[in-house]
Amino acid sequence: MEQRAPIALADWFAHGEARFGKDHKHWRFVCPSCGHVQTPGDFERYGADQNLAYLNCIGRYDGKHADVRMGTKPGPCNYTSGGLFNINPVPVSGTDGNVIRVFEFEEIP
């Protein structure tokens, strides 16, 4: 995995808002395992925490893909950053200095 310098949390939010607007439910994240694109609003529809949209693939929550193994394309799959492997590519530094790795934002033309 490519080593990146952490991005400050405030800068990460600024990037997201510049790309997708202030309503975080519409921010689009790409699962690093299967390439599925999802939003926090997708997670809300399944009764899951919206903050999981940048940490886990929605296949774990949609009731249809929980058995789809990590990396199966096209997704969604059952990848979670809380498992044995965290392949999330973007390190974000919180205000407390702790770094978490999150999904990439979807590239938009």
N, C-alpha and C. Protein backbone atom coordinates (compact mmCIF):
# COMPACT_ATOMS: atom_id res chain seq x y z
N MET A 1 0.85 -1.18 0.00
CA MET A 1 0.00 0.00 0.00
C MET A 1 0.89 1.24 0.00
N GLU A 2 0.52 2.18 -0.81
CA GLU A 2 1.23 3.44 -0.90
C GLU A 2 1.19 4.18 0.43
N GLN A 3 2.32 4.70 0.86
CA GLN A 3 2.37 5.47 2.10
C GLN A 3 2.05 6.93 1.79
N ARG A 4 1.06 7.45 2.44
CA ARG A 4 0.66 8.83 2.26
C ARG A 4 0.80 9.57 3.58
N ALA A 5 1.07 10.85 3.47
CA ALA A 5 1.06 11.69 4.67
C ALA A 5 -0.39 11.90 5.08
N PRO A 6 -0.66 11.90 6.36
CA PRO A 6 -2.05 12.12 6.81
C PRO A 6 -2.56 13.50 6.42
N ILE A 7 -3.84 13.55 6.10
CA ILE A 7 -4.53 14.81 5.82
C ILE A 7 -5.27 15.21 7.10
N ALA A 8 -5.23 16.48 7.40
CA ALA A 8 -5.93 16.98 8.59
C ALA A 8 -7.43 16.81 8.40
N LEU A 9 -8.13 16.50 9.47
CA LEU A 9 -9.57 16.29 9.42
C LEU A 9 -10.30 17.46 8.78
N ALA A 10 -9.93 18.69 9.14
CA ALA A 10 -10.58 19.87 8.58
C ALA A 10 -10.37 19.94 7.06
N ASP A 11 -9.19 19.56 6.60
CA ASP A 11 -8.91 19.56 5.17
C ASP A 11 -9.70 18.47 4.46
N TRP A 12 -9.85 17.31 5.11
CA TRP A 12 -10.62 16.21 4.53
C TRP A 12 -12.08 16.65 4.35
N PHE A 13 -12.65 17.30 5.38
CA PHE A 13 -14.02 17.82 5.27
C PHE A 13 -14.12 18.86 4.16
N ALA A 14 -13.12 19.73 4.04
CA ALA A 14 -13.14 20.75 2.99
C ALA A 14 -13.13 20.11 1.61
N HIS A 15 -12.34 19.05 1.43
CA HIS A 15 -12.30 18.34 0.14
C HIS A 15 -13.67 17.73 -0.17
N GLY A 16 -14.25 17.08 0.82
CA GLY A 16 -15.56 16.46 0.63
C GLY A 16 -16.63 17.48 0.27
N GLU A 17 -16.64 18.59 0.98
CA GLU A 17 -17.65 19.61 0.71
C GLU A 17 -17.44 20.26 -0.65
N ALA A 18 -16.19 20.45 -1.05
CA ALA A 18 -15.91 21.02 -2.37
C ALA A 18 -16.38 20.09 -3.49
N ARG A 19 -16.26 18.80 -3.28
CA ARG A 19 -16.67 17.83 -4.30
C ARG A 19 -18.15 17.56 -4.33
N PHE A 20 -18.75 17.39 -3.14
CA PHE A 20 -20.11 16.86 -3.07
C PHE A 20 -21.11 17.77 -2.37
N GLY A 21 -20.67 18.86 -1.80
CA GLY A 21 -21.58 19.76 -1.09
C GLY A 21 -21.56 19.54 0.41
N LYS A 22 -22.28 20.35 1.11
CA LYS A 22 -22.26 20.32 2.59
C LYS A 22 -23.02 19.15 3.18
N ASP A 23 -24.00 18.59 2.45
CA ASP A 23 -24.79 17.47 2.98
C ASP A 23 -23.97 16.19 2.86
N HIS A 24 -23.42 15.76 3.98
CA HIS A 24 -22.52 14.60 4.00
C HIS A 24 -23.20 13.31 3.54
N LYS A 25 -24.52 13.25 3.59
CA LYS A 25 -25.23 12.05 3.15
C LYS A 25 -24.99 11.75 1.67
N HIS A 26 -24.55 12.77 0.93
CA HIS A 26 -24.36 12.61 -0.51
C HIS A 26 -22.90 12.45 -0.91
N TRP A 27 -22.00 12.45 0.06
CA TRP A 27 -20.60 12.24 -0.27
C TRP A 27 -20.44 10.82 -0.78
N ARG A 28 -19.59 10.62 -1.78
CA ARG A 28 -19.44 9.32 -2.43
C ARG A 28 -18.05 8.74 -2.15
N PHE A 29 -18.04 7.52 -1.62
CA PHE A 29 -16.81 6.83 -1.24
C PHE A 29 -16.67 5.54 -2.03
N VAL A 30 -15.43 5.16 -2.31
CA VAL A 30 -15.14 3.96 -3.09
C VAL A 30 -14.51 2.89 -2.20
N CYS A 31 -15.16 1.73 -2.14
CA CYS A 31 -14.59 0.61 -1.38
C CYS A 31 -13.27 0.22 -2.01
N PRO A 32 -12.19 0.19 -1.23
CA PRO A 32 -10.88 -0.15 -1.79
C PRO A 32 -10.75 -1.63 -2.16
N SER A 33 -11.67 -2.44 -1.71
CA SER A 33 -11.63 -3.86 -1.98
C SER A 33 -12.32 -4.22 -3.29
N CYS A 34 -13.54 -3.72 -3.48
CA CYS A 34 -14.32 -4.14 -4.65
C CYS A 34 -14.64 -3.01 -5.62
N GLY A 35 -14.39 -1.75 -5.23
CA GLY A 35 -14.65 -0.62 -6.10
C GLY A 35 -16.07 -0.08 -6.05
N HIS A 36 -16.91 -0.67 -5.19
CA HIS A 36 -18.29 -0.19 -5.08
C HIS A 36 -18.31 1.24 -4.57
N VAL A 37 -19.16 2.06 -5.16
CA VAL A 37 -19.32 3.46 -4.74
C VAL A 37 -20.58 3.55 -3.88
N GLN A 38 -20.46 4.22 -2.74
CA GLN A 38 -21.56 4.30 -1.77
C GLN A 38 -21.56 5.65 -1.08
N THR A 39 -22.69 5.95 -0.46
CA THR A 39 -22.86 7.21 0.27
C THR A 39 -23.31 6.92 1.71
N PRO A 40 -23.12 7.86 2.61
CA PRO A 40 -23.69 7.69 3.95
C PRO A 40 -25.20 7.51 3.91
N GLY A 41 -25.86 8.14 2.96
CA GLY A 41 -27.30 7.96 2.83
C GLY A 41 -27.69 6.52 2.52
N ASP A 42 -26.83 5.80 1.79
CA ASP A 42 -27.08 4.38 1.52
C ASP A 42 -27.11 3.61 2.84
N PHE A 43 -26.19 3.91 3.74
CA PHE A 43 -26.13 3.22 5.02
C PHE A 43 -27.35 3.54 5.87
N GLU A 44 -27.79 4.77 5.83
CA GLU A 44 -28.97 5.18 6.58
C GLU A 44 -30.19 4.36 6.16
N ARG A 45 -30.32 4.08 4.85
CA ARG A 45 -31.46 3.30 4.35
C ARG A 45 -31.52 1.90 4.96
N TYR A 46 -30.34 1.37 5.34
CA TYR A 46 -30.30 0.03 5.94
C TYR A 46 -30.23 0.07 7.46
N GLY A 47 -30.41 1.25 8.04
CA GLY A 47 -30.40 1.38 9.49
C GLY A 47 -29.01 1.29 10.10
N ALA A 48 -27.98 1.45 9.29
CA ALA A 48 -26.60 1.39 9.77
C ALA A 48 -26.05 2.80 9.98
N ASP A 49 -25.03 2.90 10.80
CA ASP A 49 -24.37 4.17 11.09
C ASP A 49 -23.82 4.76 9.79
N GLN A 50 -24.20 5.99 9.49
CA GLN A 50 -23.74 6.65 8.26
C GLN A 50 -22.22 6.80 8.20
N ASN A 51 -21.58 6.89 9.36
CA ASN A 51 -20.12 7.04 9.38
C ASN A 51 -19.38 5.81 8.89
N LEU A 52 -20.08 4.70 8.73
CA LEU A 52 -19.44 3.49 8.21
C LEU A 52 -19.19 3.58 6.71
N ALA A 53 -19.78 4.55 6.04
CA ALA A 53 -19.65 4.67 4.58
C ALA A 53 -18.21 4.85 4.13
N TYR A 54 -17.35 5.39 4.97
CA TYR A 54 -15.96 5.58 4.60
C TYR A 54 -15.04 4.55 5.27
N LEU A 55 -15.63 3.56 5.93
CA LEU A 55 -14.86 2.53 6.62
C LEU A 55 -15.19 1.10 6.20
N ASN A 56 -16.42 0.83 5.80
CA ASN A 56 -16.87 -0.52 5.47
C ASN A 56 -17.65 -0.50 4.16
N CYS A 57 -17.63 -1.62 3.45
CA CYS A 57 -18.45 -1.74 2.25
C CYS A 57 -19.90 -2.02 2.68
N ILE A 58 -20.82 -1.47 1.95
CA ILE A 58 -22.25 -1.60 2.31
C ILE A 58 -22.75 -3.03 2.18
N GLY A 59 -22.02 -3.88 1.50
CA GLY A 59 -22.42 -5.28 1.37
C GLY A 59 -22.59 -5.97 2.72
N ARG A 60 -21.94 -5.48 3.74
CA ARG A 60 -22.08 -6.04 5.09
C ARG A 60 -23.45 -5.74 5.69
N TYR A 61 -24.16 -4.77 5.13
CA TYR A 61 -25.38 -4.26 5.76
C TYR A 61 -26.63 -4.35 4.88
N ASP A 62 -26.48 -4.59 3.60
CA ASP A 62 -27.63 -4.50 2.70
C ASP A 62 -28.52 -5.75 2.67
N GLY A 63 -28.11 -6.80 3.37
CA GLY A 63 -28.92 -8.00 3.43
C GLY A 63 -28.77 -8.92 2.23
N LYS A 64 -27.96 -8.52 1.25
CA LYS A 64 -27.78 -9.32 0.04
C LYS A 64 -26.35 -9.75 -0.22
N HIS A 65 -25.39 -9.06 0.38
CA HIS A 65 -23.99 -9.28 0.02
C HIS A 65 -23.09 -9.65 1.20
N ALA A 66 -23.65 -9.98 2.34
CA ALA A 66 -22.83 -10.26 3.53
C ALA A 66 -21.90 -11.45 3.33
N ASP A 67 -22.27 -12.36 2.41
CA ASP A 67 -21.42 -13.52 2.15
C ASP A 67 -20.50 -13.33 0.95
N VAL A 68 -20.55 -12.16 0.32
CA VAL A 68 -19.68 -11.89 -0.83
C VAL A 68 -18.30 -11.53 -0.30
N ARG A 69 -17.33 -12.34 -0.63
CA ARG A 69 -15.99 -12.16 -0.07
C ARG A 69 -15.34 -10.85 -0.50
N MET A 70 -14.50 -10.37 0.37
CA MET A 70 -13.72 -9.17 0.13
C MET A 70 -13.02 -9.28 -1.22
N GLY A 71 -13.10 -8.21 -2.00
CA GLY A 71 -12.41 -8.15 -3.27
C GLY A 71 -13.20 -8.65 -4.47
N THR A 72 -14.39 -9.20 -4.22
CA THR A 72 -15.21 -9.67 -5.32
C THR A 72 -15.72 -8.47 -6.11
N LYS A 73 -15.47 -8.50 -7.42
CA LYS A 73 -15.90 -7.38 -8.26
C LYS A 73 -16.91 -7.86 -9.27
N PRO A 74 -17.91 -7.13 -9.66
CA PRO A 74 -18.21 -5.83 -9.04
C PRO A 74 -18.82 -6.03 -7.67
N GLY A 75 -18.68 -5.03 -6.83
CA GLY A 75 -19.21 -5.11 -5.48
C GLY A 75 -20.67 -4.81 -5.44
N PRO A 76 -21.24 -4.69 -4.28
CA PRO A 76 -20.54 -4.58 -3.01
C PRO A 76 -20.07 -5.93 -2.46
N CYS A 77 -19.15 -5.82 -1.50
CA CYS A 77 -18.60 -7.01 -0.84
C CYS A 77 -18.76 -6.86 0.67
N ASN A 78 -18.10 -7.70 1.43
CA ASN A 78 -18.25 -7.65 2.89
C ASN A 78 -17.02 -7.05 3.59
N TYR A 79 -16.23 -6.24 2.88
CA TYR A 79 -15.02 -5.66 3.46
C TYR A 79 -15.34 -4.75 4.65
N THR A 80 -14.51 -4.86 5.68
CA THR A 80 -14.56 -3.95 6.82
C THR A 80 -13.14 -3.56 7.21
N SER A 81 -12.95 -2.31 7.55
CA SER A 81 -11.63 -1.86 7.99
C SER A 81 -11.32 -2.34 9.40
N GLY A 82 -12.31 -2.89 10.09
CA GLY A 82 -12.12 -3.38 11.45
C GLY A 82 -11.66 -4.82 11.51
N GLY A 83 -11.40 -5.41 10.36
CA GLY A 83 -10.97 -6.80 10.33
C GLY A 83 -9.46 -6.95 10.38
N LEU A 84 -8.98 -8.07 9.91
CA LEU A 84 -7.56 -8.38 9.93
C LEU A 84 -6.75 -7.42 9.07
N PHE A 85 -7.31 -7.03 7.92
CA PHE A 85 -6.60 -6.16 6.98
C PHE A 85 -7.34 -4.84 6.86
N ASN A 86 -6.59 -3.74 6.98
CA ASN A 86 -7.15 -2.42 6.71
C ASN A 86 -6.44 -1.89 5.48
N ILE A 87 -7.15 -1.92 4.35
CA ILE A 87 -6.56 -1.47 3.09
C ILE A 87 -7.07 -0.08 2.70
N ASN A 88 -7.71 0.60 3.64
CA ASN A 88 -8.21 1.95 3.36
C ASN A 88 -7.02 2.85 3.03
N PRO A 89 -7.09 3.56 1.90
CA PRO A 89 -5.90 4.27 1.42
C PRO A 89 -5.64 5.66 1.97
N VAL A 90 -6.63 6.29 2.60
CA VAL A 90 -6.48 7.70 2.96
C VAL A 90 -6.31 7.87 4.47
N PRO A 91 -5.12 8.29 4.93
CA PRO A 91 -4.94 8.55 6.36
C PRO A 91 -5.44 9.96 6.71
N VAL A 92 -6.32 10.01 7.72
CA VAL A 92 -6.88 11.29 8.17
C VAL A 92 -6.50 11.47 9.63
N SER A 93 -5.92 12.63 9.93
CA SER A 93 -5.48 12.95 11.29
C SER A 93 -6.55 13.75 12.00
N GLY A 94 -7.06 13.19 13.09
CA GLY A 94 -8.09 13.86 13.87
C GLY A 94 -7.51 14.99 14.70
N THR A 95 -8.38 15.74 15.33
CA THR A 95 -7.94 16.87 16.15
C THR A 95 -7.13 16.41 17.36
N ASP A 96 -7.28 15.13 17.73
CA ASP A 96 -6.51 14.58 18.85
C ASP A 96 -5.18 13.99 18.41
N GLY A 97 -4.88 14.06 17.10
CA GLY A 97 -3.63 13.53 16.58
C GLY A 97 -3.70 12.08 16.15
N ASN A 98 -4.77 11.37 16.50
CA ASN A 98 -4.92 9.98 16.06
C ASN A 98 -5.23 9.95 14.58
N VAL A 99 -4.68 8.95 13.90
CA VAL A 99 -4.87 8.81 12.46
C VAL A 99 -5.74 7.59 12.20
N ILE A 100 -6.76 7.78 11.38
CA ILE A 100 -7.56 6.64 10.90
C ILE A 100 -7.45 6.61 9.38
N ARG A 101 -7.58 5.43 8.82
CA ARG A 101 -7.53 5.28 7.37
C ARG A 101 -8.95 5.12 6.86
N VAL A 102 -9.28 5.88 5.81
CA VAL A 102 -10.63 5.89 5.27
C VAL A 102 -10.61 5.62 3.77
N PHE A 103 -11.79 5.40 3.19
CA PHE A 103 -11.94 5.19 1.75
C PHE A 103 -11.64 6.48 1.01
N GLU A 104 -11.29 6.33 -0.28
CA GLU A 104 -11.13 7.47 -1.18
C GLU A 104 -12.50 8.06 -1.48
N PHE A 105 -12.53 9.34 -1.76
CA PHE A 105 -13.72 9.95 -2.35
C PHE A 105 -13.80 9.47 -3.79
N GLU A 106 -15.02 9.36 -4.31
CA GLU A 106 -15.17 9.03 -5.72
C GLU A 106 -14.62 10.18 -6.55
N GLU A 107 -13.89 9.85 -7.60
CA GLU A 107 -13.40 10.87 -8.51
C GLU A 107 -14.57 11.31 -9.38
N ILE A 108 -14.72 12.61 -9.53
CA ILE A 108 -15.76 13.12 -10.41
C ILE A 108 -15.11 13.97 -11.48
N PRO A 109 -15.61 13.86 -12.68
CA PRO A 109 -14.99 14.61 -13.80
C PRO A 109 -15.19 16.10 -13.66
